[in-house]
Amino acid sequence: MELRQLEHFVAVAEERHFTRAADLLQISQSGLSASIRALEAELGTSLFIRTTRRVELTAAGQALLADSLRTLASAAAAQNAVAAVRGLMRGRLTVGAEPCLGSVDLPAELGRFRRANQGVDVRLRYAGSVELLDSVATGRTDVALVVATGPTPQGVRLRSLSTQKMIVLCHPDHRIASAPDTDLVSLHTESLIGFQPGWGAQVLTRRAFAAKGFDYRAAMEVNDVHPLLDLVGYNLGVAIVPASFAHKRPEALRAVALPADMPEWTVAVAAAEEPSPAASAFLDQLLDDQAVSSAASSSAESVSSAA
């Protein structure tokens, strides 16, 4: 069994499609199919169930996937560690993020890192925080910007970057728009607009409703903040979101406070406990920039208070 074969297997497993996997790997589809057949022959079992439209993992394939990801991550880490000893920064840095976290200028951070480390292949993917944490744990993602939503997977370390309150966003004509605050008892019968399962706001809101003995059911689910704001703007429901979302459309929507026991929105950076050299460099850059930003904010607040 070769690393190349495992790379081919993982690509097909993640894409669920031979043609897309071949394009991603930049090899011929026939070459990819031959590599997978050779791996299946060596293991003595089928790894995929093939249909005309897509492929699915067999039980054996599912068992192999997690170990393959760890093996490939370990091999890449070993190569990068040797390069680091030689004074080179190389390899791949895969960064994940939940959109609209509100505390990190991720494009600027990636641009700065790329300029300083041109030998590193930088990749970026957006997803919900729960999926991203699992991705870091399995080695598919090196560094992820997430919302802290619960227990951290084994082998992953979280470092908090910022915290803010959760609020309710509603249309100016909504019944709670003029109220100073509201609670979940009042909201559980409302038409809720939320994010898809696994996204930070959805997990925190579901947990808060459960603590009050209510089921959380969103009438409408989205995967981006802008359609959420559009739906609230048409008075189709209310949304429970971090306070920073209110600044996106301050004239069109109303922000209503929630009780103090509502879970807070804590943005954190997740990485393996023993990150690769490239991941360590990006992590250090990110944490240093956040420290400078926090110090600047504190200084500005002090000056404002003194005035």
C-alpha atoms as a PDB file:
ATOM      1  CA  MET A   1       0.000   0.000   0.000  1.00  0.00           C
ATOM      2  CA  GLU A   2       1.474   3.349  -1.078  1.00  0.00           C
ATOM      3  CA  LEU A   3       0.794   6.885   0.085  1.00  0.00           C
ATOM      4  CA  ARG A   4      -0.155   7.738  -3.491  1.00  0.00           C
ATOM      5  CA  GLN A   5      -2.914   5.110  -3.374  1.00  0.00           C
ATOM      6  CA  LEU A   6      -4.226   6.511  -0.100  1.00  0.00           C
ATOM      7  CA  GLU A   7      -4.272   9.998  -1.610  1.00  0.00           C
ATOM      8  CA  HIS A   8      -6.312   8.667  -4.517  1.00  0.00           C
ATOM      9  CA  PHE A   9      -8.675   6.817  -2.185  1.00  0.00           C
ATOM     10  CA  VAL A  10      -9.265   9.905   0.012  1.00  0.00           C
ATOM     11  CA  ALA A  11      -9.920  12.106  -3.018  1.00  0.00           C
ATOM     12  CA  VAL A  12     -12.616   9.744  -4.318  1.00  0.00           C
ATOM     13  CA  ALA A  13     -14.075   9.315  -0.823  1.00  0.00           C
ATOM     14  CA  GLU A  14     -14.390  13.075  -0.317  1.00  0.00           C
ATOM     15  CA  GLU A  15     -15.594  13.925  -3.825  1.00  0.00           C
ATOM     16  CA  ARG A  16     -17.902  10.873  -4.115  1.00  0.00           C
ATOM     17  CA  HIS A  17     -17.091  10.979  -7.814  1.00  0.00           C
ATOM     18  CA  PHE A  18     -14.202   9.549  -9.871  1.00  0.00           C
ATOM     19  CA  THR A  19     -14.176  12.273 -12.523  1.00  0.00           C
ATOM     20  CA  ARG A  20     -14.084  15.121 -10.010  1.00  0.00           C
ATOM     21  CA  ALA A  21     -11.427  13.328  -7.963  1.00  0.00           C
ATOM     22  CA  ALA A  22      -9.302  12.773 -11.071  1.00  0.00           C
ATOM     23  CA  ASP A  23      -9.579  16.463 -11.968  1.00  0.00           C
ATOM     24  CA  LEU A  24      -8.600  17.417  -8.429  1.00  0.00           C
ATOM     25  CA  LEU A  25      -5.591  15.091  -8.505  1.00  0.00           C
ATOM     26  CA  GLN A  26      -4.728  16.107 -12.070  1.00  0.00           C
ATOM     27  CA  ILE A  27      -4.503  12.526 -13.290  1.00  0.00           C
ATOM     28  CA  SER A  28      -6.518  10.565 -15.828  1.00  0.00           C
ATOM     29  CA  GLN A  29      -9.728   8.906 -14.701  1.00  0.00           C
ATOM     30  CA  SER A  30      -8.476   5.569 -15.987  1.00  0.00           C
ATOM     31  CA  GLY A  31      -5.289   5.941 -13.950  1.00  0.00           C
ATOM     32  CA  LEU A  32      -7.294   6.783 -10.837  1.00  0.00           C
ATOM     33  CA  SER A  33      -9.627   3.810 -11.363  1.00  0.00           C
ATOM     34  CA  ALA A  34      -6.648   1.496 -11.797  1.00  0.00           C
ATOM     35  CA  SER A  35      -5.066   2.793  -8.588  1.00  0.00           C
ATOM     36  CA  ILE A  36      -8.278   2.193  -6.619  1.00  0.00           C
ATOM     37  CA  ARG A  37      -8.701  -1.307  -8.087  1.00  0.00           C
ATOM     38  CA  ALA A  38      -5.128  -2.169  -7.120  1.00  0.00           C
ATOM     39  CA  LEU A  39      -5.753  -0.942  -3.563  1.00  0.00           C
ATOM     40  CA  GLU A  40      -8.973  -2.972  -3.316  1.00  0.00           C
ATOM     41  CA  ALA A  41      -7.170  -6.050  -4.636  1.00  0.00           C
ATOM     42  CA  GLU A  42      -4.416  -5.635  -2.063  1.00  0.00           C
ATOM     43  CA  LEU A  43      -6.923  -5.250   0.775  1.00  0.00           C
ATOM     44  CA  GLY A  44      -9.150  -8.029  -0.556  1.00  0.00           C
ATOM     45  CA  THR A  45     -12.355  -5.995  -0.363  1.00  0.00           C
ATOM     46  CA  SER A  46     -14.362  -3.344  -2.181  1.00  0.00           C
ATOM     47  CA  LEU A  47     -13.986   0.197  -0.892  1.00  0.00           C
ATOM     48  CA  PHE A  48     -16.714   1.870  -2.945  1.00  0.00           C
ATOM     49  CA  ILE A  49     -20.213   1.137  -4.166  1.00  0.00           C
ATOM     50  CA  ARG A  50     -20.269   2.531  -7.701  1.00  0.00           C
ATOM     51  CA  THR A  51     -23.386   3.877  -9.396  1.00  0.00           C
ATOM     52  CA  THR A  52     -23.879   5.781 -12.633  1.00  0.00           C
ATOM     53  CA  ARG A  53     -24.014   9.132 -10.810  1.00  0.00           C
ATOM     54  CA  ARG A  54     -21.762   8.839  -7.769  1.00  0.00           C
ATOM     55  CA  VAL A  55     -19.884   6.487  -5.502  1.00  0.00           C
ATOM     56  CA  GLU A  56     -20.440   5.667  -1.841  1.00  0.00           C
ATOM     57  CA  LEU A  57     -18.089   4.170   0.709  1.00  0.00           C
ATOM     58  CA  THR A  58     -18.570   0.569   1.769  1.00  0.00           C
ATOM     59  CA  ALA A  59     -18.190  -0.351   5.435  1.00  0.00           C
ATOM     60  CA  ALA A  60     -14.569  -1.240   4.706  1.00  0.00           C
ATOM     61  CA  GLY A  61     -14.067   2.082   2.953  1.00  0.00           C
ATOM     62  CA  GLN A  62     -15.469   3.990   5.909  1.00  0.00           C
ATOM     63  CA  ALA A  63     -13.095   2.132   8.217  1.00  0.00           C
ATOM     64  CA  LEU A  64     -10.125   2.946   5.976  1.00  0.00           C
ATOM     65  CA  LEU A  65     -10.927   6.642   5.536  1.00  0.00           C
ATOM     66  CA  ALA A  66     -10.136   7.883   9.048  1.00  0.00           C
ATOM     67  CA  ASP A  67      -6.824   6.008   9.196  1.00  0.00           C
ATOM     68  CA  SER A  68      -5.927   7.195   5.684  1.00  0.00           C
ATOM     69  CA  LEU A  69      -6.458  10.821   6.664  1.00  0.00           C
ATOM     70  CA  ARG A  70      -4.265  10.408   9.742  1.00  0.00           C
ATOM     71  CA  THR A  71      -1.560   8.587   7.761  1.00  0.00           C
ATOM     72  CA  LEU A  72      -1.445  11.259   5.052  1.00  0.00           C
ATOM     73  CA  ALA A  73      -1.411  14.034   7.645  1.00  0.00           C
ATOM     74  CA  SER A  74       1.470  12.354   9.493  1.00  0.00           C
ATOM     75  CA  ALA A  75       3.427  11.886   6.274  1.00  0.00           C
ATOM     76  CA  ALA A  76       2.947  15.536   5.312  1.00  0.00           C
ATOM     77  CA  ALA A  77       3.949  16.633   8.807  1.00  0.00           C
ATOM     78  CA  ALA A  78       7.148  14.574   8.602  1.00  0.00           C
ATOM     79  CA  GLN A  79       8.070  16.085   5.228  1.00  0.00           C
ATOM     80  CA  ASN A  80       7.366  19.598   6.453  1.00  0.00           C
ATOM     81  CA  ALA A  81       9.341  19.072   9.655  1.00  0.00           C
ATOM     82  CA  VAL A  82      12.406  18.029   7.677  1.00  0.00           C
ATOM     83  CA  ALA A  83      11.995  21.055   5.415  1.00  0.00           C
ATOM     84  CA  ALA A  84      11.719  23.315   8.478  1.00  0.00           C
ATOM     85  CA  VAL A  85      15.054  22.013   9.829  1.00  0.00           C
ATOM     86  CA  ARG A  86      16.600  23.014   6.501  1.00  0.00           C
ATOM     87  CA  GLY A  87      15.211  26.510   6.971  1.00  0.00           C
ATOM     88  CA  LEU A  88      12.448  26.078   4.405  1.00  0.00           C
ATOM     89  CA  MET A  89       8.742  26.715   4.861  1.00  0.00           C
ATOM     90  CA  ARG A  90       6.897  24.424   2.497  1.00  0.00           C
ATOM     91  CA  GLY A  91       3.945  22.093   2.277  1.00  0.00           C
ATOM     92  CA  ARG A  92       0.242  22.867   2.382  1.00  0.00           C
ATOM     93  CA  LEU A  93      -1.749  24.979   4.816  1.00  0.00           C
ATOM     94  CA  THR A  94      -5.479  24.244   4.824  1.00  0.00           C
ATOM     95  CA  VAL A  95      -7.485  26.881   6.654  1.00  0.00           C
ATOM     96  CA  GLY A  96     -11.153  26.547   7.515  1.00  0.00           C
ATOM     97  CA  ALA A  97     -13.590  29.162   8.751  1.00  0.00           C
ATOM     98  CA  GLU A  98     -17.227  29.685   9.559  1.00  0.00           C
ATOM     99  CA  PRO A  99     -18.304  32.773   7.584  1.00  0.00           C
ATOM    100  CA  CYS A 100     -18.949  36.152   9.226  1.00  0.00           C
ATOM    101  CA  LEU A 101     -17.246  35.486  12.556  1.00  0.00           C
ATOM    102  CA  GLY A 102     -16.731  39.206  13.009  1.00  0.00           C
ATOM    103  CA  SER A 103     -13.337  39.348  14.718  1.00  0.00           C
ATOM    104  CA  VAL A 104     -10.703  38.297  12.158  1.00  0.00           C
ATOM    105  CA  ASP A 105      -9.925  39.757   8.742  1.00  0.00           C
ATOM    106  CA  LEU A 106      -9.150  36.354   7.281  1.00  0.00           C
ATOM    107  CA  PRO A 107      -8.365  37.445   3.681  1.00  0.00           C
ATOM    108  CA  ALA A 108      -5.836  39.963   5.044  1.00  0.00           C
ATOM    109  CA  GLU A 109      -4.269  37.323   7.296  1.00  0.00           C
ATOM    110  CA  LEU A 110      -3.985  34.832   4.444  1.00  0.00           C
ATOM    111  CA  GLY A 111      -2.511  37.479   2.165  1.00  0.00           C
ATOM    112  CA  ARG A 112       0.139  38.414   4.702  1.00  0.00           C
ATOM    113  CA  PHE A 113       1.021  34.771   5.325  1.00  0.00           C
ATOM    114  CA  ARG A 114       1.242  33.998   1.605  1.00  0.00           C
ATOM    115  CA  ARG A 115       3.614  36.916   0.978  1.00  0.00           C
ATOM    116  CA  ALA A 116       5.924  35.759   3.761  1.00  0.00           C
ATOM    117  CA  ASN A 117       5.750  32.041   2.908  1.00  0.00           C
ATOM    118  CA  GLN A 118       5.525  31.663  -0.847  1.00  0.00           C
ATOM    119  CA  GLY A 119       6.587  28.018  -0.710  1.00  0.00           C
ATOM    120  CA  VAL A 120       3.400  27.064   1.137  1.00  0.00           C
ATOM    121  CA  ASP A 121       0.301  26.051  -0.820  1.00  0.00           C
ATOM    122  CA  VAL A 122      -2.578  27.811   0.987  1.00  0.00           C
ATOM    123  CA  ARG A 123      -6.084  26.355   0.801  1.00  0.00           C
ATOM    124  CA  LEU A 124      -9.321  27.796   2.252  1.00  0.00           C
ATOM    125  CA  ARG A 125     -12.733  26.243   2.860  1.00  0.00           C
ATOM    126  CA  TYR A 126     -15.847  27.548   4.602  1.00  0.00           C
ATOM    127  CA  ALA A 127     -18.132  25.325   6.678  1.00  0.00           C
ATOM    128  CA  GLY A 128     -19.974  25.167   9.990  1.00  0.00           C
ATOM    129  CA  SER A 129     -17.963  25.125  13.211  1.00  0.00           C
ATOM    130  CA  VAL A 130     -18.854  21.552  14.196  1.00  0.00           C
ATOM    131  CA  GLU A 131     -17.707  20.180  10.840  1.00  0.00           C
ATOM    132  CA  LEU A 132     -14.519  22.266  10.951  1.00  0.00           C
ATOM    133  CA  LEU A 133     -13.546  21.008  14.411  1.00  0.00           C
ATOM    134  CA  ASP A 134     -13.958  17.437  13.210  1.00  0.00           C
ATOM    135  CA  SER A 135     -11.900  18.325  10.142  1.00  0.00           C
ATOM    136  CA  VAL A 136      -9.043  19.578  12.338  1.00  0.00           C
ATOM    137  CA  ALA A 137      -9.247  16.435  14.485  1.00  0.00           C
ATOM    138  CA  THR A 138      -8.917  14.176  11.431  1.00  0.00           C
ATOM    139  CA  GLY A 139      -6.103  16.209   9.861  1.00  0.00           C
ATOM    140  CA  ARG A 140      -8.085  17.482   6.855  1.00  0.00           C
ATOM    141  CA  THR A 141      -7.800  21.089   8.092  1.00  0.00           C
ATOM    142  CA  ASP A 142      -4.731  22.610   9.751  1.00  0.00           C
ATOM    143  CA  VAL A 143      -6.188  25.764  11.315  1.00  0.00           C
ATOM    144  CA  ALA A 144      -9.865  26.653  11.671  1.00  0.00           C
ATOM    145  CA  LEU A 145     -11.655  29.793  12.835  1.00  0.00           C
ATOM    146  CA  VAL A 146     -14.762  28.591  14.616  1.00  0.00           C
ATOM    147  CA  VAL A 147     -17.395  29.378  17.193  1.00  0.00           C
ATOM    148  CA  ALA A 148     -16.808  27.486  20.449  1.00  0.00           C
ATOM    149  CA  THR A 149     -19.852  25.231  20.614  1.00  0.00           C
ATOM    150  CA  GLY A 150     -19.011  22.521  23.119  1.00  0.00           C
ATOM    151  CA  PRO A 151     -16.407  19.866  23.928  1.00  0.00           C
ATOM    152  CA  THR A 152     -13.236  20.037  21.846  1.00  0.00           C
ATOM    153  CA  PRO A 153     -12.307  16.852  19.938  1.00  0.00           C
ATOM    154  CA  GLN A 154      -9.311  14.905  21.197  1.00  0.00           C
ATOM    155  CA  GLY A 155      -6.036  16.194  19.792  1.00  0.00           C
ATOM    156  CA  VAL A 156      -7.421  19.677  19.050  1.00  0.00           C
ATOM    157  CA  ARG A 157      -6.594  22.837  20.969  1.00  0.00           C
ATOM    158  CA  LEU A 158      -8.861  25.899  21.007  1.00  0.00           C
ATOM    159  CA  ARG A 159      -7.593  29.432  21.651  1.00  0.00           C
ATOM    160  CA  SER A 160     -10.257  32.089  22.260  1.00  0.00           C
ATOM    161  CA  LEU A 161     -10.015  35.289  20.216  1.00  0.00           C
ATOM    162  CA  SER A 162     -13.141  37.287  21.088  1.00  0.00           C
ATOM    163  CA  THR A 163     -16.520  37.031  22.795  1.00  0.00           C
ATOM    164  CA  GLN A 164     -19.807  38.833  22.240  1.00  0.00           C
ATOM    165  CA  LYS A 165     -23.446  38.577  23.276  1.00  0.00           C
ATOM    166  CA  MET A 166     -26.202  36.931  21.275  1.00  0.00           C
ATOM    167  CA  ILE A 167     -29.155  39.118  20.308  1.00  0.00           C
ATOM    168  CA  VAL A 168     -32.414  38.933  18.358  1.00  0.00           C
ATOM    169  CA  LEU A 169     -32.681  40.665  14.995  1.00  0.00           C
ATOM    170  CA  CYS A 170     -36.157  41.578  13.796  1.00  0.00           C
ATOM    171  CA  HIS A 171     -38.050  43.819  11.381  1.00  0.00           C
ATOM    172  CA  PRO A 172     -38.942  47.307  12.709  1.00  0.00           C
ATOM    173  CA  ASP A 173     -42.648  46.374  12.518  1.00  0.00           C
ATOM    174  CA  HIS A 174     -42.248  43.200  14.558  1.00  0.00           C
ATOM    175  CA  ARG A 175     -43.980  43.127  17.940  1.00  0.00           C
ATOM    176  CA  ILE A 176     -40.711  42.985  19.902  1.00  0.00           C
ATOM    177  CA  ALA A 177     -38.895  45.654  17.876  1.00  0.00           C
ATOM    178  CA  SER A 178     -39.496  48.412  20.440  1.00  0.00           C
ATOM    179  CA  ALA A 179     -38.817  46.249  23.505  1.00  0.00           C
ATOM    180  CA  PRO A 180     -35.514  46.692  25.387  1.00  0.00           C
ATOM    181  CA  ASP A 181     -35.119  42.918  25.673  1.00  0.00           C
ATOM    182  CA  THR A 182     -36.904  39.604  25.239  1.00  0.00           C
ATOM    183  CA  ASP A 183     -36.490  35.976  26.323  1.00  0.00           C
ATOM    184  CA  LEU A 184     -36.625  32.505  24.835  1.00  0.00           C
ATOM    185  CA  VAL A 185     -40.038  31.804  26.344  1.00  0.00           C
ATOM    186  CA  SER A 186     -41.426  34.602  24.185  1.00  0.00           C
ATOM    187  CA  LEU A 187     -39.449  33.503  21.145  1.00  0.00           C
ATOM    188  CA  HIS A 188     -40.087  29.770  21.019  1.00  0.00           C
ATOM    189  CA  THR A 189     -43.418  30.273  19.211  1.00  0.00           C
ATOM    190  CA  GLU A 190     -41.968  32.779  16.730  1.00  0.00           C
ATOM    191  CA  SER A 191     -41.017  31.955  13.163  1.00  0.00           C
ATOM    192  CA  LEU A 192     -37.252  31.561  13.484  1.00  0.00           C
ATOM    193  CA  ILE A 193     -34.702  32.142  10.746  1.00  0.00           C
ATOM    194  CA  GLY A 194     -31.457  30.340  11.455  1.00  0.00           C
ATOM    195  CA  PHE A 195     -28.370  28.684  10.091  1.00  0.00           C
ATOM    196  CA  GLN A 196     -27.969  25.079   9.075  1.00  0.00           C
ATOM    197  CA  PRO A 197     -27.080  22.370  11.640  1.00  0.00           C
ATOM    198  CA  GLY A 198     -23.485  22.549  12.847  1.00  0.00           C
ATOM    199  CA  TRP A 199     -23.144  26.332  12.455  1.00  0.00           C
ATOM    200  CA  GLY A 200     -22.242  28.277  15.596  1.00  0.00           C
ATOM    201  CA  ALA A 201     -25.431  30.293  16.043  1.00  0.00           C
ATOM    202  CA  GLN A 202     -27.600  27.233  15.395  1.00  0.00           C
ATOM    203  CA  VAL A 203     -25.780  25.104  17.980  1.00  0.00           C
ATOM    204  CA  LEU A 204     -25.844  27.834  20.649  1.00  0.00           C
ATOM    205  CA  THR A 205     -29.512  28.639  20.055  1.00  0.00           C
ATOM    206  CA  ARG A 206     -30.544  24.980  20.098  1.00  0.00           C
ATOM    207  CA  ARG A 207     -28.684  24.513  23.388  1.00  0.00           C
ATOM    208  CA  ALA A 208     -30.343  27.578  24.929  1.00  0.00           C
ATOM    209  CA  PHE A 209     -33.820  26.411  23.902  1.00  0.00           C
ATOM    210  CA  ALA A 210     -33.144  22.923  25.267  1.00  0.00           C
ATOM    211  CA  ALA A 211     -32.098  24.407  28.617  1.00  0.00           C
ATOM    212  CA  LYS A 212     -35.530  26.067  28.822  1.00  0.00           C
ATOM    213  CA  GLY A 213     -37.326  22.846  27.891  1.00  0.00           C
ATOM    214  CA  PHE A 214     -38.266  23.917  24.329  1.00  0.00           C
ATOM    215  CA  ASP A 215     -37.540  22.343  20.981  1.00  0.00           C
ATOM    216  CA  TYR A 216     -35.645  24.511  18.509  1.00  0.00           C
ATOM    217  CA  ARG A 217     -37.205  24.535  15.058  1.00  0.00           C
ATOM    218  CA  ALA A 218     -36.143  27.030  12.417  1.00  0.00           C
ATOM    219  CA  ALA A 219     -38.799  27.852   9.826  1.00  0.00           C
ATOM    220  CA  MET A 220     -36.081  28.857   7.376  1.00  0.00           C
ATOM    221  CA  GLU A 221     -32.422  27.787   7.293  1.00  0.00           C
ATOM    222  CA  VAL A 222     -29.579  29.463   5.405  1.00  0.00           C
ATOM    223  CA  ASN A 223     -25.824  28.997   5.038  1.00  0.00           C
ATOM    224  CA  ASP A 224     -24.801  32.650   4.849  1.00  0.00           C
ATOM    225  CA  VAL A 225     -25.518  35.799   6.831  1.00  0.00           C
ATOM    226  CA  HIS A 226     -26.748  37.905   3.915  1.00  0.00           C
ATOM    227  CA  PRO A 227     -29.792  35.801   2.992  1.00  0.00           C
ATOM    228  CA  LEU A 228     -30.590  35.592   6.706  1.00  0.00           C
ATOM    229  CA  LEU A 229     -30.631  39.391   6.928  1.00  0.00           C
ATOM    230  CA  ASP A 230     -32.742  39.567   3.763  1.00  0.00           C
ATOM    231  CA  LEU A 231     -35.345  37.210   5.203  1.00  0.00           C
ATOM    232  CA  VAL A 232     -35.528  39.134   8.465  1.00  0.00           C
ATOM    233  CA  GLY A 233     -35.745  42.337   6.446  1.00  0.00           C
ATOM    234  CA  TYR A 234     -38.906  41.047   4.764  1.00  0.00           C
ATOM    235  CA  ASN A 235     -40.392  40.313   8.210  1.00  0.00           C
ATOM    236  CA  LEU A 236     -40.491  36.572   7.574  1.00  0.00           C
ATOM    237  CA  GLY A 237     -39.195  35.817  11.057  1.00  0.00           C
ATOM    238  CA  VAL A 238     -36.623  36.717  13.690  1.00  0.00           C
ATOM    239  CA  ALA A 239     -33.031  35.549  13.992  1.00  0.00           C
ATOM    240  CA  ILE A 240     -30.884  34.831  17.060  1.00  0.00           C
ATOM    241  CA  VAL A 241     -27.385  35.905  16.080  1.00  0.00           C
ATOM    242  CA  PRO A 242     -24.192  37.489  17.500  1.00  0.00           C
ATOM    243  CA  ALA A 243     -24.423  41.213  18.254  1.00  0.00           C
ATOM    244  CA  SER A 244     -21.993  42.123  15.444  1.00  0.00           C
ATOM    245  CA  PHE A 245     -24.592  41.092  12.852  1.00  0.00           C
ATOM    246  CA  ALA A 246     -26.721  44.090  13.877  1.00  0.00           C
ATOM    247  CA  HIS A 247     -24.057  46.450  12.503  1.00  0.00           C
ATOM    248  CA  LYS A 248     -24.511  45.085   8.988  1.00  0.00           C
ATOM    249  CA  ARG A 249     -27.944  46.701   8.515  1.00  0.00           C
ATOM    250  CA  PRO A 250     -28.451  49.099  11.429  1.00  0.00           C
ATOM    251  CA  GLU A 251     -31.078  51.218   9.674  1.00  0.00           C
ATOM    252  CA  ALA A 252     -33.181  48.343   8.348  1.00  0.00           C
ATOM    253  CA  LEU A 253     -33.323  45.940  11.310  1.00  0.00           C
ATOM    254  CA  ARG A 254     -33.788  46.165  15.067  1.00  0.00           C
ATOM    255  CA  ALA A 255     -31.565  44.488  17.647  1.00  0.00           C
ATOM    256  CA  VAL A 256     -33.209  43.249  20.861  1.00  0.00           C
ATOM    257  CA  ALA A 257     -31.208  42.064  23.866  1.00  0.00           C
ATOM    258  CA  LEU A 258     -31.413  38.534  25.315  1.00  0.00           C
ATOM    259  CA  PRO A 259     -31.050  37.415  28.961  1.00  0.00           C
ATOM    260  CA  ALA A 260     -27.609  37.112  30.527  1.00  0.00           C
ATOM    261  CA  ASP A 261     -27.850  33.303  30.654  1.00  0.00           C
ATOM    262  CA  MET A 262     -27.917  33.055  26.855  1.00  0.00           C
ATOM    263  CA  PRO A 263     -24.728  31.296  25.640  1.00  0.00           C
ATOM    264  CA  GLU A 264     -22.131  33.739  24.348  1.00  0.00           C
ATOM    265  CA  TRP A 265     -20.617  33.785  20.863  1.00  0.00           C
ATOM    266  CA  THR A 266     -16.939  33.005  21.394  1.00  0.00           C
ATOM    267  CA  VAL A 267     -14.720  33.020  18.324  1.00  0.00           C
ATOM    268  CA  ALA A 268     -11.707  30.731  18.622  1.00  0.00           C
ATOM    269  CA  VAL A 269      -8.916  29.360  16.489  1.00  0.00           C
ATOM    270  CA  ALA A 270      -8.582  25.573  16.423  1.00  0.00           C
ATOM    271  CA  ALA A 271      -5.451  23.618  15.537  1.00  0.00           C
ATOM    272  CA  ALA A 272      -3.859  20.287  16.316  1.00  0.00           C
ATOM    273  CA  GLU A 273      -1.997  20.084  19.611  1.00  0.00           C
ATOM    274  CA  GLU A 274       1.143  19.487  17.550  1.00  0.00           C
ATOM    275  CA  PRO A 275       0.597  21.594  14.409  1.00  0.00           C
ATOM    276  CA  SER A 276       2.759  21.496  11.301  1.00  0.00           C
ATOM    277  CA  PRO A 277       5.433  24.196  10.844  1.00  0.00           C
ATOM    278  CA  ALA A 278       3.195  26.076   8.380  1.00  0.00           C
ATOM    279  CA  ALA A 279       0.210  25.838  10.712  1.00  0.00           C
ATOM    280  CA  SER A 280       2.341  27.015  13.649  1.00  0.00           C
ATOM    281  CA  ALA A 281       3.571  30.018  11.660  1.00  0.00           C
ATOM    282  CA  PHE A 282       0.038  30.996  10.633  1.00  0.00           C
ATOM    283  CA  LEU A 283      -1.246  30.452  14.170  1.00  0.00           C
ATOM    284  CA  ASP A 284       1.493  32.650  15.643  1.00  0.00           C
ATOM    285  CA  GLN A 285       0.756  35.376  13.093  1.00  0.00           C
ATOM    286  CA  LEU A 286      -2.966  35.241  13.836  1.00  0.00           C
ATOM    287  CA  LEU A 287      -2.553  35.347  17.616  1.00  0.00           C
ATOM    288  CA  ASP A 288       0.022  38.161  17.438  1.00  0.00           C
ATOM    289  CA  ASP A 289      -2.264  40.255  15.236  1.00  0.00           C
ATOM    290  CA  GLN A 290      -5.213  39.653  17.542  1.00  0.00           C
ATOM    291  CA  ALA A 291      -3.133  40.692  20.554  1.00  0.00           C
ATOM    292  CA  VAL A 292      -2.131  43.932  18.815  1.00  0.00           C
ATOM    293  CA  SER A 293      -5.743  44.577  17.799  1.00  0.00           C
ATOM    294  CA  SER A 294      -7.021  43.947  21.329  1.00  0.00           C
ATOM    295  CA  ALA A 295      -4.390  46.257  22.809  1.00  0.00           C
ATOM    296  CA  ALA A 296      -5.326  48.992  20.334  1.00  0.00           C
ATOM    297  CA  SER A 297      -9.029  48.604  21.153  1.00  0.00           C
ATOM    298  CA  SER A 298      -8.355  48.776  24.892  1.00  0.00           C
ATOM    299  CA  SER A 299      -6.233  51.907  24.440  1.00  0.00           C
ATOM    300  CA  ALA A 300      -8.959  53.573  22.373  1.00  0.00           C
ATOM    301  CA  GLU A 301     -11.581  52.742  24.996  1.00  0.00           C
ATOM    302  CA  SER A 302      -9.381  54.180  27.736  1.00  0.00           C
ATOM    303  CA  VAL A 303      -8.936  57.438  25.824  1.00  0.00           C
ATOM    304  CA  SER A 304     -12.683  57.617  25.169  1.00  0.00           C
ATOM    305  CA  SER A 305     -13.478  57.064  28.860  1.00  0.00           C
ATOM    306  CA  ALA A 306     -10.986  59.707  29.930  1.00  0.00           C
ATOM    307  CA  ALA A 307     -12.527  62.230  27.530  1.00  0.00           C
END
